[in-house]
Protein backbone atom coordinates (compact mmCIF):
# COMPACT_ATOMS: atom_id res chain seq x y z
CA UNK A 1 -69.10 32.36 9.40
CA UNK A 2 -65.43 32.55 10.91
CA UNK A 3 -61.96 31.84 10.16
CA UNK A 4 -59.31 33.40 8.19
CA UNK A 5 -59.15 32.40 4.55
CA UNK A 6 -56.04 30.55 3.15
CA UNK A 7 -57.65 30.24 -0.35
CA UNK A 8 -56.43 32.25 -3.30
CA UNK A 9 -58.96 33.93 -5.53
CA UNK A 10 -59.31 34.53 -9.09
CA UNK A 11 -58.39 38.13 -9.86
CA UNK A 12 -60.85 40.32 -11.66
CA UNK A 13 -63.75 38.08 -11.35
CA UNK A 14 -67.00 39.74 -10.55
CA UNK A 15 -69.22 38.46 -7.72
CA UNK A 16 -72.63 39.88 -6.77
CA UNK A 17 -73.52 39.25 -3.19
CA UNK A 18 -77.31 39.31 -2.31
CA UNK A 19 -78.25 39.33 1.45
CA UNK A 20 -80.59 41.35 3.46
CA UNK A 21 -78.23 41.38 6.28
CA UNK A 22 -75.65 44.43 5.69
CA UNK A 23 -73.10 42.70 8.29
CA UNK A 24 -72.88 39.53 6.25
CA UNK A 25 -72.55 41.58 3.06
CA UNK A 26 -69.77 43.54 4.44
CA UNK A 27 -68.00 40.56 5.81
CA UNK A 28 -68.01 38.77 2.76
CA UNK A 29 -67.19 41.54 0.42
CA UNK A 30 -64.28 42.64 2.42
CA UNK A 31 -62.76 39.07 2.28
CA UNK A 32 -63.51 38.65 -1.48
CA UNK A 33 -61.83 42.00 -2.16
CA UNK A 34 -58.71 40.69 -0.32
CA UNK A 35 -58.66 37.94 -2.85
CA UNK A 36 -58.75 40.38 -5.72
CA UNK A 37 -62.60 39.71 -6.56
CA UNK A 38 -64.58 42.55 -7.73
CA UNK A 39 -67.80 42.81 -5.80
CA UNK A 40 -71.20 44.49 -5.75
CA UNK A 41 -74.02 44.01 -3.29
CA UNK A 42 -77.65 44.47 -2.75
CA UNK A 43 -80.37 43.53 -0.12
CA UNK A 44 -83.43 42.67 -2.23
CA UNK A 45 -84.42 40.19 -4.83
CA UNK A 46 -85.72 42.85 -7.28
CA UNK A 47 -82.43 44.85 -6.85
CA UNK A 48 -80.43 41.62 -7.52
CA UNK A 49 -82.22 41.20 -10.74
CA UNK A 50 -81.42 44.85 -11.88
CA UNK A 51 -77.74 44.27 -10.91
CA UNK A 52 -77.44 41.19 -13.29
CA UNK A 53 -77.62 43.46 -16.02
CA UNK A 54 -75.75 46.37 -14.64
CA UNK A 55 -72.83 44.54 -12.98
CA UNK A 56 -72.68 41.52 -15.18
CA UNK A 57 -71.49 39.17 -12.39
CA UNK A 58 -69.45 35.92 -13.13
CA UNK A 59 -71.11 34.39 -10.01
CA UNK A 60 -73.99 35.26 -7.64
CA UNK A 61 -73.95 34.60 -3.80
CA UNK A 62 -77.59 34.47 -3.23
CA UNK A 63 -79.32 34.34 0.37
CA UNK A 64 -82.41 32.22 0.29
CA UNK A 65 -84.41 33.79 3.23
CA UNK A 66 -85.12 37.30 2.26
CA UNK A 67 -88.31 39.50 2.77
CA UNK A 68 -90.50 40.11 -0.17
CA UNK A 69 -88.88 38.06 -2.95
CA UNK A 70 -87.02 35.15 -1.58
CA UNK A 71 -83.95 33.53 -3.10
CA UNK A 72 -86.03 30.84 -4.78
CA UNK A 73 -88.05 33.38 -6.64
CA UNK A 74 -84.97 35.32 -7.59
CA UNK A 75 -83.39 32.19 -9.03
CA UNK A 76 -86.59 31.35 -10.85
CA UNK A 77 -86.67 34.68 -12.65
CA UNK A 78 -82.99 34.82 -13.03
CA UNK A 79 -82.86 31.43 -15.08
CA UNK A 80 -85.39 32.85 -17.44
CA UNK A 81 -82.82 35.18 -18.99
CA UNK A 82 -79.37 34.33 -17.55
CA UNK A 83 -77.16 31.17 -17.07
CA UNK A 84 -74.78 33.04 -14.42
CA UNK A 85 -73.73 30.55 -11.79
CA UNK A 86 -75.31 30.82 -8.27
CA UNK A 87 -74.49 29.66 -5.00
CA UNK A 88 -77.26 29.85 -2.46
CA UNK A 89 -76.61 30.86 1.22
CA UNK A 90 -79.09 29.73 3.84
CA UNK A 91 -79.52 29.26 7.38
CA UNK A 92 -81.89 26.44 6.79
CA UNK A 93 -80.35 22.74 6.48
CA UNK A 94 -83.42 21.35 5.18
CA UNK A 95 -82.40 18.91 2.36
CA UNK A 96 -85.80 19.75 0.52
CA UNK A 97 -84.79 23.51 0.15
CA UNK A 98 -81.42 22.20 -1.22
CA UNK A 99 -83.04 20.16 -3.83
CA UNK A 100 -85.53 22.85 -4.76
CA UNK A 101 -82.69 25.30 -5.26
CA UNK A 102 -80.70 22.77 -7.49
CA UNK A 103 -83.72 22.07 -9.43
CA UNK A 104 -84.16 25.86 -10.16
CA UNK A 105 -80.72 25.94 -11.46
CA UNK A 106 -78.36 26.86 -8.48
CA UNK A 107 -74.91 25.54 -8.87
CA UNK A 108 -74.08 25.01 -5.21
CA UNK A 109 -75.71 25.55 -1.78
CA UNK A 110 -73.93 26.36 1.42
CA UNK A 111 -75.62 26.43 5.01
CA UNK A 112 -74.78 29.20 7.59
CA UNK A 113 -72.64 29.30 9.58
CA UNK A 114 -69.81 28.32 7.02
CA UNK A 115 -66.08 29.20 7.29
CA UNK A 116 -64.48 31.48 4.88
CA UNK A 117 -62.32 28.78 3.56
CA UNK A 118 -65.38 26.78 2.71
CA UNK A 119 -67.16 29.63 1.01
CA UNK A 120 -64.08 30.53 -0.94
CA UNK A 121 -63.05 26.94 -1.99
CA UNK A 122 -66.94 26.64 -3.31
CA UNK A 123 -66.54 30.00 -5.12
CA UNK A 124 -63.29 29.02 -6.81
CA UNK A 125 -64.75 25.71 -7.87
CA UNK A 126 -67.75 27.19 -9.51
CA UNK A 127 -65.61 29.78 -11.26
CA UNK A 128 -63.13 26.96 -12.37
CA UNK A 129 -66.17 25.27 -14.04
CA UNK A 130 -67.03 28.58 -15.68
CA UNK A 131 -63.68 28.91 -17.19
CA UNK A 132 -63.93 25.47 -18.62
CA UNK A 133 -62.37 22.53 -16.86
CA UNK A 134 -62.53 20.39 -19.88
CA UNK A 135 -61.11 22.25 -22.84
CA UNK A 136 -62.06 20.85 -26.14
CA UNK A 137 -59.16 19.21 -28.27
CA UNK A 138 -57.59 21.75 -30.71
CA UNK A 139 -58.93 19.96 -33.68
CA UNK A 140 -62.39 19.60 -32.46
CA UNK A 141 -64.90 22.41 -33.26
CA UNK A 142 -68.18 20.41 -33.50
CA UNK A 143 -69.35 17.29 -31.52
CA UNK A 144 -72.27 15.33 -33.06
CA UNK A 145 -74.01 12.65 -31.05
CA UNK A 146 -77.32 11.16 -32.29
CA UNK A 147 -79.58 14.31 -32.75
CA UNK A 148 -77.32 16.54 -30.64
CA UNK A 149 -74.83 18.95 -32.24
CA UNK A 150 -72.39 21.06 -30.05
CA UNK A 151 -70.50 23.76 -31.21
CA UNK A 152 -67.65 23.61 -28.91
CA UNK A 153 -66.24 27.17 -29.49
CA UNK A 154 -69.44 28.79 -29.04
CA UNK A 155 -70.54 26.43 -26.30
CA UNK A 156 -73.89 26.10 -27.92
CA UNK A 157 -76.02 22.81 -27.92
CA UNK A 158 -78.82 22.14 -30.78
CA UNK A 159 -81.16 19.12 -30.51
CA UNK A 160 -82.94 18.27 -33.79
CA UNK A 161 -81.83 21.82 -34.89
CA UNK A 162 -83.29 23.70 -31.73
CA UNK A 163 -80.93 25.43 -29.66
CA UNK A 164 -80.99 24.10 -25.82
CA UNK A 165 -80.53 26.56 -23.15
CA UNK A 166 -78.40 25.17 -20.51
CA UNK A 167 -76.44 26.59 -17.48
CA UNK A 168 -72.79 26.38 -17.48
CA UNK A 169 -72.89 23.24 -15.21
CA UNK A 170 -75.49 21.59 -17.24
CA UNK A 171 -73.53 22.30 -20.36
CA UNK A 172 -70.20 21.05 -18.98
CA UNK A 173 -71.78 17.79 -17.61
CA UNK A 174 -73.88 17.12 -20.87
CA UNK A 175 -70.73 17.72 -23.16
CA UNK A 176 -68.56 15.47 -20.84
CA UNK A 177 -71.29 12.56 -21.22
CA UNK A 178 -71.47 13.16 -25.03
CA UNK A 179 -67.60 13.25 -25.44
CA UNK A 180 -67.74 9.63 -23.75
CA UNK A 181 -70.69 8.45 -25.62
CA UNK A 182 -71.56 4.68 -25.13
CA UNK A 183 -69.27 4.55 -22.00
CA UNK A 184 -70.57 4.35 -18.60
CA UNK A 185 -69.35 7.15 -16.41
CA UNK A 186 -69.54 6.59 -12.63
CA UNK A 187 -70.91 9.15 -10.27
CA UNK A 188 -67.39 9.85 -8.75
CA UNK A 189 -65.93 10.45 -12.29
CA UNK A 190 -68.69 12.92 -13.22
CA UNK A 191 -68.68 14.74 -9.93
CA UNK A 192 -64.75 14.95 -9.80
CA UNK A 193 -64.51 16.28 -13.51
CA UNK A 194 -67.46 18.91 -13.30
CA UNK A 195 -67.70 19.93 -9.67
CA UNK A 196 -64.24 19.05 -8.31
CA UNK A 197 -62.82 16.37 -6.30
CA UNK A 198 -64.22 17.74 -3.05
CA UNK A 199 -67.80 17.00 -4.40
CA UNK A 200 -67.20 13.40 -5.20
CA UNK A 201 -69.83 12.21 -2.62
CA UNK A 202 -72.52 14.80 -3.60
CA UNK A 203 -74.40 12.41 -5.67
CA UNK A 204 -77.54 14.62 -5.06
CA UNK A 205 -75.98 17.42 -7.08
CA UNK A 206 -75.47 14.97 -10.14
CA UNK A 207 -79.01 13.54 -10.00
CA UNK A 208 -80.76 16.82 -9.95
CA UNK A 209 -78.49 18.24 -12.77
CA UNK A 210 -79.11 15.24 -14.95
CA UNK A 211 -82.84 15.45 -14.21
CA UNK A 212 -82.92 19.09 -15.40
CA UNK A 213 -80.85 18.17 -18.56
CA UNK A 214 -83.29 15.53 -19.27
CA UNK A 215 -86.29 17.79 -18.87
CA UNK A 216 -84.82 20.16 -21.37
CA UNK A 217 -84.04 17.56 -23.89
CA UNK A 218 -87.50 15.96 -23.56
CA UNK A 219 -89.26 18.21 -25.97
CA UNK A 220 -86.73 18.09 -28.71
CA UNK A 221 -85.33 14.44 -28.72
CA UNK A 222 -88.32 12.84 -30.38
CA UNK A 223 -88.84 10.63 -27.31
CA UNK A 224 -85.58 9.21 -27.41
CA UNK A 225 -83.69 8.67 -24.16
CA UNK A 226 -80.13 10.18 -24.80
CA UNK A 227 -78.89 9.82 -21.16
CA UNK A 228 -79.09 6.38 -19.69
CA UNK A 229 -79.03 5.66 -15.98
CA UNK A 230 -77.06 2.88 -14.18
CA UNK A 231 -78.42 2.76 -10.91
CA UNK A 232 -75.96 3.03 -8.13
CA UNK A 233 -73.00 3.32 -10.82
CA UNK A 234 -73.47 6.28 -13.11
CA UNK A 235 -74.81 7.58 -16.43
CA UNK A 236 -74.17 7.12 -20.13
CA UNK A 237 -75.02 9.21 -23.18
CA UNK A 238 -76.20 7.00 -26.15
CA UNK A 239 -74.66 7.37 -29.59
CA UNK A 240 -77.74 6.21 -31.24
């Protein structure tokens, strides 16, 4: 990690840093604080899970390779009770690790060493999604597509009357598709709208997130395929 950041922050947002290397924690925390972020840090997976309740972070920077409980296990346990966005940090560039992290519900993945500009650009991109990059029209409070009902103000999704537990990224992507039901949206459109223009070539992010949404829909959609794949092009939400 090197380089002086030229990225501005989002004042007051809370970021939890989880890494077993104190030097990395101090380095990241100091630079986050210079951008007006509030930070907390811990060096183990067990402590990280406790801090989620105590610190109530807006975002977690989670190291993959930690002794004892590794980042994958932390993320697995975290997703059983929280949808807080997570950026995984790792020294390994193995694509299988990246897919596993995304499958478990990570929002982004950075390989060490990375520049401060790269880290903070990713942090800002995730927090922009959290703040809602697609505000609902003022007159719209409910969105109904087939068996799916979305309460936009509450950011809740029900399928056949059953509440669907989605991460922030999953929710934003699914709602964008529903708002454009029966229209094919390209990979580039979806990635730019949900992740940001800098992610427009990261088709793997989109593919894994769609798979997670489908898996969660499967038990409640009565066998109906609500999201249609157009290979090499994009995806479409079906109205009926």
